[in-house]
Amino acid sequence: ENFEDFGSIYYSLSSGIYLKGTDLLNKKYFMG
């Protein structure tokens, strides 16, 4: 039996953006 074929090699790309700060009430927030 050929068991060497039961495999996968691949590359994946990801990206993201993130905002962190303090509002007018001096309360911290974050979102992404």
PDB file of all heavy atoms in Angstrom:
ATOM      1  N   GLU A   1       0.862  -1.187   0.000  1.00  0.00           N
ATOM      2  CA  GLU A   1       0.000   0.000   0.000  1.00  0.00           C
ATOM      3  C   GLU A   1       0.893   1.229   0.000  1.00  0.00           C
ATOM      4  O   GLU A   1       1.992   1.222   0.565  1.00  0.00           O
ATOM      5  CB  GLU A   1      -0.909   0.033   1.240  1.00  0.00           C
ATOM      6  CG  GLU A   1      -1.882  -1.129   1.341  1.00  0.00           C
ATOM      7  CD  GLU A   1      -3.048  -0.969   0.384  1.00  0.00           C
ATOM      8  OE1 GLU A   1      -3.185   0.130  -0.196  1.00  0.00           O
ATOM      9  OE2 GLU A   1      -3.818  -1.939   0.228  1.00  0.00           O
ATOM     10  N   ASN A   2       0.416   2.286  -0.648  1.00  0.00           N
ATOM     11  CA  ASN A   2       1.171   3.540  -0.661  1.00  0.00           C
ATOM     12  C   ASN A   2       0.569   4.484   0.369  1.00  0.00           C
ATOM     13  O   ASN A   2      -0.440   5.133   0.123  1.00  0.00           O
ATOM     14  CB  ASN A   2       1.126   4.176  -2.057  1.00  0.00           C
ATOM     15  CG  ASN A   2       1.970   5.431  -2.123  1.00  0.00           C
ATOM     16  OD1 ASN A   2       2.742   5.742  -1.216  1.00  0.00           O
ATOM     17  ND2 ASN A   2       1.827   6.178  -3.215  1.00  0.00           N
ATOM     18  N   PHE A   3       1.204   4.533   1.543  1.00  0.00           N
ATOM     19  CA  PHE A   3       0.696   5.377   2.615  1.00  0.00           C
ATOM     20  C   PHE A   3       1.361   6.749   2.648  1.00  0.00           C
ATOM     21  O   PHE A   3       1.077   7.555   3.517  1.00  0.00           O
ATOM     22  CB  PHE A   3       0.920   4.694   3.967  1.00  0.00           C
ATOM     23  CG  PHE A   3       0.062   3.470   4.160  1.00  0.00           C
ATOM     24  CD1 PHE A   3       0.527   2.395   4.899  1.00  0.00           C
ATOM     25  CD2 PHE A   3      -1.208   3.414   3.610  1.00  0.00           C
ATOM     26  CE1 PHE A   3      -0.270   1.282   5.093  1.00  0.00           C
ATOM     27  CE2 PHE A   3      -2.009   2.290   3.786  1.00  0.00           C
ATOM     28  CZ  PHE A   3      -1.531   1.225   4.527  1.00  0.00           C
ATOM     29  N   GLU A   4       2.259   7.008   1.739  1.00  0.00           N
ATOM     30  CA  GLU A   4       2.953   8.291   1.759  1.00  0.00           C
ATOM     31  C   GLU A   4       2.092   9.414   1.192  1.00  0.00           C
ATOM     32  O   GLU A   4       2.431  10.589   1.291  1.00  0.00           O
ATOM     33  CB  GLU A   4       4.258   8.201   0.952  1.00  0.00           C
ATOM     34  CG  GLU A   4       5.227   7.160   1.492  1.00  0.00           C
ATOM     35  CD  GLU A   4       5.677   7.473   2.906  1.00  0.00           C
ATOM     36  OE1 GLU A   4       5.809   8.665   3.231  1.00  0.00           O
ATOM     37  OE2 GLU A   4       5.891   6.520   3.688  1.00  0.00           O
ATOM     38  N   ASP A   5       0.957   9.075   0.573  1.00  0.00           N
ATOM     39  CA  ASP A   5       0.132  10.095  -0.056  1.00  0.00           C
ATOM     40  C   ASP A   5      -0.846  10.754   0.912  1.00  0.00           C
ATOM     41  O   ASP A   5      -1.506  11.721   0.573  1.00  0.00           O
ATOM     42  CB  ASP A   5      -0.672   9.491  -1.220  1.00  0.00           C
ATOM     43  CG  ASP A   5       0.231   9.049  -2.360  1.00  0.00           C
ATOM     44  OD1 ASP A   5       1.339   9.598  -2.452  1.00  0.00           O
ATOM     45  OD2 ASP A   5      -0.165   8.163  -3.117  1.00  0.00           O
ATOM     46  N   PHE A   6      -0.962  10.222   2.124  1.00  0.00           N
ATOM     47  CA  PHE A   6      -1.920  10.762   3.076  1.00  0.00           C
ATOM     48  C   PHE A   6      -1.315  11.940   3.836  1.00  0.00           C
ATOM     49  O   PHE A   6      -1.155  11.908   5.058  1.00  0.00           O
ATOM     50  CB  PHE A   6      -2.374   9.681   4.057  1.00  0.00           C
ATOM     51  CG  PHE A   6      -3.186   8.591   3.418  1.00  0.00           C
ATOM     52  CD1 PHE A   6      -2.618   7.351   3.152  1.00  0.00           C
ATOM     53  CD2 PHE A   6      -4.504   8.811   3.077  1.00  0.00           C
ATOM     54  CE1 PHE A   6      -3.365   6.350   2.563  1.00  0.00           C
ATOM     55  CE2 PHE A   6      -5.265   7.804   2.483  1.00  0.00           C
ATOM     56  CZ  PHE A   6      -4.683   6.572   2.224  1.00  0.00           C
ATOM     57  N   GLY A   7      -0.972  12.980   3.122  1.00  0.00           N
ATOM     58  CA  GLY A   7      -0.382  14.150   3.740  1.00  0.00           C
ATOM     59  C   GLY A   7      -0.606  15.389   2.902  1.00  0.00           C
ATOM     60  O   GLY A   7      -0.920  15.318   1.712  1.00  0.00           O
ATOM     61  N   SER A   8      -0.460  16.539   3.553  1.00  0.00           N
ATOM     62  CA  SER A   8      -0.658  17.806   2.857  1.00  0.00           C
ATOM     63  C   SER A   8       0.276  18.859   3.440  1.00  0.00           C
ATOM     64  O   SER A   8       0.392  18.985   4.670  1.00  0.00           O
ATOM     65  CB  SER A   8      -2.117  18.269   2.996  1.00  0.00           C
ATOM     66  OG  SER A   8      -2.300  19.552   2.430  1.00  0.00           O
ATOM     67  N   ILE A   9       0.945  19.580   2.566  1.00  0.00           N
ATOM     68  CA  ILE A   9       1.809  20.692   2.965  1.00  0.00           C
ATOM     69  C   ILE A   9       1.317  21.942   2.238  1.00  0.00           C
ATOM     70  O   ILE A   9       1.212  21.932   1.008  1.00  0.00           O
ATOM     71  CB  ILE A   9       3.283  20.426   2.618  1.00  0.00           C
ATOM     72  CG1 ILE A   9       3.795  19.192   3.370  1.00  0.00           C
ATOM     73  CG2 ILE A   9       4.143  21.632   2.955  1.00  0.00           C
ATOM     74  CD1 ILE A   9       5.221  18.810   3.015  1.00  0.00           C
ATOM     75  N   TYR A  10       0.993  22.965   2.969  1.00  0.00           N
ATOM     76  CA  TYR A  10       0.474  24.175   2.337  1.00  0.00           C
ATOM     77  C   TYR A  10       0.866  25.409   3.136  1.00  0.00           C
ATOM     78  O   TYR A  10       1.308  25.322   4.286  1.00  0.00           O
ATOM     79  CB  TYR A  10      -1.049  24.105   2.187  1.00  0.00           C
ATOM     80  CG  TYR A  10      -1.819  23.957   3.478  1.00  0.00           C
ATOM     81  CD1 TYR A  10      -2.204  25.070   4.217  1.00  0.00           C
ATOM     82  CD2 TYR A  10      -2.167  22.696   3.951  1.00  0.00           C
ATOM     83  CE1 TYR A  10      -2.908  24.935   5.401  1.00  0.00           C
ATOM     84  CE2 TYR A  10      -2.877  22.550   5.127  1.00  0.00           C
ATOM     85  CZ  TYR A  10      -3.245  23.674   5.847  1.00  0.00           C
ATOM     86  OH  TYR A  10      -3.942  23.536   7.017  1.00  0.00           O
ATOM     87  N   TYR A  11       0.700  26.583   2.512  1.00  0.00           N
ATOM     88  CA  TYR A  11       1.002  27.869   3.131  1.00  0.00           C
ATOM     89  C   TYR A  11      -0.270  28.699   3.212  1.00  0.00           C
ATOM     90  O   TYR A  11      -1.111  28.652   2.312  1.00  0.00           O
ATOM     91  CB  TYR A  11       2.072  28.614   2.327  1.00  0.00           C
ATOM     92  CG  TYR A  11       3.405  27.899   2.289  1.00  0.00           C
ATOM     93  CD1 TYR A  11       3.676  26.952   1.306  1.00  0.00           C
ATOM     94  CD2 TYR A  11       4.379  28.155   3.243  1.00  0.00           C
ATOM     95  CE1 TYR A  11       4.889  26.278   1.282  1.00  0.00           C
ATOM     96  CE2 TYR A  11       5.593  27.492   3.224  1.00  0.00           C
ATOM     97  CZ  TYR A  11       5.843  26.560   2.233  1.00  0.00           C
ATOM     98  OH  TYR A  11       7.043  25.894   2.212  1.00  0.00           O
ATOM     99  N   SER A  12      -0.388  29.443   4.279  1.00  0.00           N
ATOM    100  CA  SER A  12      -1.583  30.244   4.508  1.00  0.00           C
ATOM    101  C   SER A  12      -1.192  31.677   4.843  1.00  0.00           C
ATOM    102  O   SER A  12      -0.207  31.908   5.558  1.00  0.00           O
ATOM    103  CB  SER A  12      -2.415  29.645   5.651  1.00  0.00           C
ATOM    104  OG  SER A  12      -3.504  30.479   5.977  1.00  0.00           O
ATOM    105  N   LEU A  13      -1.962  32.640   4.338  1.00  0.00           N
ATOM    106  CA  LEU A  13      -1.707  34.060   4.583  1.00  0.00           C
ATOM    107  C   LEU A  13      -2.851  34.672   5.378  1.00  0.00           C
ATOM    108  O   LEU A  13      -4.022  34.354   5.146  1.00  0.00           O
ATOM    109  CB  LEU A  13      -1.541  34.809   3.261  1.00  0.00           C
ATOM    110  CG  LEU A  13      -0.411  34.337   2.344  1.00  0.00           C
ATOM    111  CD1 LEU A  13      -0.431  35.121   1.042  1.00  0.00           C
ATOM    112  CD2 LEU A  13       0.940  34.481   3.034  1.00  0.00           C
ATOM    113  N   SER A  14      -2.509  35.547   6.318  1.00  0.00           N
ATOM    114  CA  SER A  14      -3.512  36.195   7.156  1.00  0.00           C
ATOM    115  C   SER A  14      -3.131  37.651   7.374  1.00  0.00           C
ATOM    116  O   SER A  14      -1.964  38.031   7.236  1.00  0.00           O
ATOM    117  CB  SER A  14      -3.623  35.484   8.514  1.00  0.00           C
ATOM    118  OG  SER A  14      -3.850  34.104   8.345  1.00  0.00           O
ATOM    119  N   SER A  15      -4.112  38.462   7.723  1.00  0.00           N
ATOM    120  CA  SER A  15      -3.865  39.876   7.999  1.00  0.00           C
ATOM    121  C   SER A  15      -4.912  40.386   8.976  1.00  0.00           C
ATOM    122  O   SER A  15      -5.983  39.798   9.141  1.00  0.00           O
ATOM    123  CB  SER A  15      -3.900  40.710   6.707  1.00  0.00           C
ATOM    124  OG  SER A  15      -5.203  40.694   6.147  1.00  0.00           O
ATOM    125  N   GLY A  16      -4.596  41.499   9.622  1.00  0.00           N
ATOM    126  CA  GLY A  16      -5.540  42.065  10.573  1.00  0.00           C
ATOM    127  C   GLY A  16      -5.203  43.498  10.916  1.00  0.00           C
ATOM    128  O   GLY A  16      -4.086  43.976  10.671  1.00  0.00           O
ATOM    129  N   ILE A  17      -6.184  44.202  11.484  1.00  0.00           N
ATOM    130  CA  ILE A  17      -6.015  45.580  11.915  1.00  0.00           C
ATOM    131  C   ILE A  17      -6.644  45.713  13.297  1.00  0.00           C
ATOM    132  O   ILE A  17      -7.636  45.044  13.608  1.00  0.00           O
ATOM    133  CB  ILE A  17      -6.653  46.560  10.897  1.00  0.00           C
ATOM    134  CG1 ILE A  17      -6.290  47.995  11.251  1.00  0.00           C
ATOM    135  CG2 ILE A  17      -8.157  46.369  10.816  1.00  0.00           C
ATOM    136  CD1 ILE A  17      -6.654  48.976  10.155  1.00  0.00           C
ATOM    137  N   TYR A  18      -6.063  46.575  14.135  1.00  0.00           N
ATOM    138  CA  TYR A  18      -6.462  46.641  15.535  1.00  0.00           C
ATOM    139  C   TYR A  18      -6.371  48.086  16.020  1.00  0.00           C
ATOM    140  O   TYR A  18      -5.388  48.779  15.766  1.00  0.00           O
ATOM    141  CB  TYR A  18      -5.532  45.751  16.356  1.00  0.00           C
ATOM    142  CG  TYR A  18      -5.938  45.507  17.777  1.00  0.00           C
ATOM    143  CD1 TYR A  18      -6.782  44.457  18.107  1.00  0.00           C
ATOM    144  CD2 TYR A  18      -5.454  46.306  18.807  1.00  0.00           C
ATOM    145  CE1 TYR A  18      -7.140  44.211  19.426  1.00  0.00           C
ATOM    146  CE2 TYR A  18      -5.804  46.069  20.125  1.00  0.00           C
ATOM    147  CZ  TYR A  18      -6.649  45.015  20.433  1.00  0.00           C
ATOM    148  OH  TYR A  18      -7.002  44.773  21.730  1.00  0.00           O
ATOM    149  N   LEU A  19      -7.400  48.533  16.717  1.00  0.00           N
ATOM    150  CA  LEU A  19      -7.467  49.901  17.243  1.00  0.00           C
ATOM    151  C   LEU A  19      -7.594  49.855  18.755  1.00  0.00           C
ATOM    152  O   LEU A  19      -8.437  49.127  19.297  1.00  0.00           O
ATOM    153  CB  LEU A  19      -8.650  50.657  16.640  1.00  0.00           C
ATOM    154  CG  LEU A  19      -8.886  52.086  17.160  1.00  0.00           C
ATOM    155  CD1 LEU A  19      -7.718  52.997  16.782  1.00  0.00           C
ATOM    156  CD2 LEU A  19     -10.203  52.641  16.619  1.00  0.00           C
ATOM    157  N   LYS A  20      -6.784  50.639  19.425  1.00  0.00           N
ATOM    158  CA  LYS A  20      -6.810  50.701  20.881  1.00  0.00           C
ATOM    159  C   LYS A  20      -6.667  52.149  21.311  1.00  0.00           C
ATOM    160  O   LYS A  20      -5.851  52.896  20.754  1.00  0.00           O
ATOM    161  CB  LYS A  20      -5.664  49.867  21.468  1.00  0.00           C
ATOM    162  CG  LYS A  20      -5.621  49.844  22.987  1.00  0.00           C
ATOM    163  CD  LYS A  20      -4.494  48.951  23.466  1.00  0.00           C
ATOM    164  CE  LYS A  20      -4.465  48.887  24.992  1.00  0.00           C
ATOM    165  NZ  LYS A  20      -3.383  47.997  25.489  1.00  0.00           N
ATOM    166  N   GLY A  21      -7.489  52.565  22.284  1.00  0.00           N
ATOM    167  CA  GLY A  21      -7.409  53.957  22.688  1.00  0.00           C
ATOM    168  C   GLY A  21      -8.230  54.268  23.921  1.00  0.00           C
ATOM    169  O   GLY A  21      -8.702  53.381  24.635  1.00  0.00           O
ATOM    170  N   THR A  22      -8.424  55.567  24.154  1.00  0.00           N
ATOM    171  CA  THR A  22      -9.189  56.082  25.283  1.00  0.00           C
ATOM    172  C   THR A  22     -10.187  57.099  24.768  1.00  0.00           C
ATOM    173  O   THR A  22      -9.833  57.976  23.975  1.00  0.00           O
ATOM    174  CB  THR A  22      -8.260  56.729  26.326  1.00  0.00           C
ATOM    175  OG1 THR A  22      -7.282  55.771  26.748  1.00  0.00           O
ATOM    176  CG2 THR A  22      -9.038  57.217  27.537  1.00  0.00           C
ATOM    177  N   ASP A  23     -11.452  56.999  25.209  1.00  0.00           N
ATOM    178  CA  ASP A  23     -12.485  57.905  24.717  1.00  0.00           C
ATOM    179  C   ASP A  23     -12.540  59.192  25.532  1.00  0.00           C
ATOM    180  O   ASP A  23     -11.695  59.441  26.413  1.00  0.00           O
ATOM    181  CB  ASP A  23     -13.850  57.207  24.691  1.00  0.00           C
ATOM    182  CG  ASP A  23     -14.309  56.781  26.081  1.00  0.00           C
ATOM    183  OD1 ASP A  23     -13.719  57.240  27.085  1.00  0.00           O
ATOM    184  OD2 ASP A  23     -15.258  55.983  26.183  1.00  0.00           O
ATOM    185  N   LEU A  24     -13.548  60.017  25.251  1.00  0.00           N
ATOM    186  CA  LEU A  24     -13.673  61.321  25.911  1.00  0.00           C
ATOM    187  C   LEU A  24     -13.995  61.189  27.395  1.00  0.00           C
ATOM    188  O   LEU A  24     -13.803  62.144  28.162  1.00  0.00           O
ATOM    189  CB  LEU A  24     -14.764  62.136  25.211  1.00  0.00           C
ATOM    190  CG  LEU A  24     -14.491  62.490  23.742  1.00  0.00           C
ATOM    191  CD1 LEU A  24     -15.668  63.255  23.148  1.00  0.00           C
ATOM    192  CD2 LEU A  24     -13.199  63.297  23.609  1.00  0.00           C
ATOM    193  N   LEU A  25     -14.511  60.029  27.814  1.00  0.00           N
ATOM    194  CA  LEU A  25     -14.807  59.797  29.226  1.00  0.00           C
ATOM    195  C   LEU A  25     -13.624  59.173  29.960  1.00  0.00           C
ATOM    196  O   LEU A  25     -13.758  58.729  31.105  1.00  0.00           O
ATOM    197  CB  LEU A  25     -16.030  58.879  29.359  1.00  0.00           C
ATOM    198  CG  LEU A  25     -17.335  59.411  28.748  1.00  0.00           C
ATOM    199  CD1 LEU A  25     -18.441  58.364  28.892  1.00  0.00           C
ATOM    200  CD2 LEU A  25     -17.742  60.731  29.400  1.00  0.00           C
ATOM    201  N   ASN A  26     -12.488  59.129  29.278  1.00  0.00           N
ATOM    202  CA  ASN A  26     -11.260  58.547  29.821  1.00  0.00           C
ATOM    203  C   ASN A  26     -11.403  57.049  30.087  1.00  0.00           C
ATOM    204  O   ASN A  26     -10.796  56.505  31.010  1.00  0.00           O
ATOM    205  CB  ASN A  26     -10.831  59.277  31.096  1.00  0.00           C
ATOM    206  CG  ASN A  26      -9.348  59.067  31.411  1.00  0.00           C
ATOM    207  OD1 ASN A  26      -8.530  58.907  30.498  1.00  0.00           O
ATOM    208  ND2 ASN A  26      -9.009  59.069  32.681  1.00  0.00           N
ATOM    209  N   LYS A  27     -12.222  56.378  29.265  1.00  0.00           N
ATOM    210  CA  LYS A  27     -12.403  54.945  29.339  1.00  0.00           C
ATOM    211  C   LYS A  27     -11.649  54.273  28.188  1.00  0.00           C
ATOM    212  O   LYS A  27     -11.752  54.725  27.041  1.00  0.00           O
ATOM    213  CB  LYS A  27     -13.887  54.573  29.260  1.00  0.00           C
ATOM    214  CG  LYS A  27     -14.755  55.225  30.332  1.00  0.00           C
ATOM    215  CD  LYS A  27     -14.441  54.672  31.718  1.00  0.00           C
ATOM    216  CE  LYS A  27     -15.419  55.231  32.738  1.00  0.00           C
ATOM    217  NZ  LYS A  27     -15.140  54.728  34.114  1.00  0.00           N
ATOM    218  N   LYS A  28     -10.936  53.206  28.481  1.00  0.00           N
ATOM    219  CA  LYS A  28     -10.173  52.503  27.461  1.00  0.00           C
ATOM    220  C   LYS A  28     -11.076  51.579  26.650  1.00  0.00           C
ATOM    221  O   LYS A  28     -12.055  51.043  27.157  1.00  0.00           O
ATOM    222  CB  LYS A  28      -9.055  51.681  28.106  1.00  0.00           C
ATOM    223  CG  LYS A  28      -8.014  52.518  28.828  1.00  0.00           C
ATOM    224  CD  LYS A  28      -6.954  51.625  29.454  1.00  0.00           C
ATOM    225  CE  LYS A  28      -5.909  52.454  30.198  1.00  0.00           C
ATOM    226  NZ  LYS A  28      -4.883  51.592  30.847  1.00  0.00           N
ATOM    227  N   TYR A  29     -10.732  51.391  25.388  1.00  0.00           N
ATOM    228  CA  TYR A  29     -11.461  50.497  24.508  1.00  0.00           C
ATOM    229  C   TYR A  29     -10.495  49.845  23.532  1.00  0.00           C
ATOM    230  O   TYR A  29      -9.378  50.317  23.323  1.00  0.00           O
ATOM    231  CB  TYR A  29     -12.552  51.249  23.730  1.00  0.00           C
ATOM    232  CG  TYR A  29     -12.005  52.288  22.786  1.00  0.00           C
ATOM    233  CD1 TYR A  29     -11.663  51.962  21.470  1.00  0.00           C
ATOM    234  CD2 TYR A  29     -11.815  53.607  23.200  1.00  0.00           C
ATOM    235  CE1 TYR A  29     -11.151  52.904  20.601  1.00  0.00           C
ATOM    236  CE2 TYR A  29     -11.298  54.555  22.342  1.00  0.00           C
ATOM    237  CZ  TYR A  29     -10.971  54.200  21.042  1.00  0.00           C
ATOM    238  OH  TYR A  29     -10.451  55.143  20.183  1.00  0.00           O
ATOM    239  N   PHE A  30     -10.945  48.758  22.912  1.00  0.00           N
ATOM    240  CA  PHE A  30     -10.159  48.112  21.866  1.00  0.00           C
ATOM    241  C   PHE A  30     -11.102  47.404  20.910  1.00  0.00           C
ATOM    242  O   PHE A  30     -12.188  46.955  21.291  1.00  0.00           O
ATOM    243  CB  PHE A  30      -9.149  47.105  22.455  1.00  0.00           C
ATOM    244  CG  PHE A  30      -9.771  45.963  23.198  1.00  0.00           C
ATOM    245  CD1 PHE A  30     -10.103  44.781  22.539  1.00  0.00           C
ATOM    246  CD2 PHE A  30     -10.019  46.049  24.561  1.00  0.00           C
ATOM    247  CE1 PHE A  30     -10.675  43.717  23.221  1.00  0.00           C
ATOM    248  CE2 PHE A  30     -10.589  44.987  25.248  1.00  0.00           C
ATOM    249  CZ  PHE A  30     -10.923  43.821  24.581  1.00  0.00           C
ATOM    250  N   MET A  31     -10.698  47.307  19.658  1.00  0.00           N
ATOM    251  CA  MET A  31     -11.471  46.611  18.638  1.00  0.00           C
ATOM    252  C   MET A  31     -10.541  46.194  17.506  1.00  0.00           C
ATOM    253  O   MET A  31      -9.519  46.840  17.245  1.00  0.00           O
ATOM    254  CB  MET A  31     -12.601  47.502  18.098  1.00  0.00           C
ATOM    255  CG  MET A  31     -12.131  48.772  17.430  1.00  0.00           C
ATOM    256  SD  MET A  31     -13.513  49.835  16.912  1.00  0.00           S
ATOM    257  CE  MET A  31     -14.096  50.377  18.527  1.00  0.00           C
ATOM    258  N   GLY A  32     -10.890  45.102  16.865  1.00  0.00           N
ATOM    259  CA  GLY A  32     -10.053  44.620  15.775  1.00  0.00           C
ATOM    260  C   GLY A  32     -10.813  43.703  14.848  1.00  0.00           C
ATOM    261  O   GLY A  32     -11.848  43.131  15.209  1.00  0.00           O
TER     262      GLY A  32
END
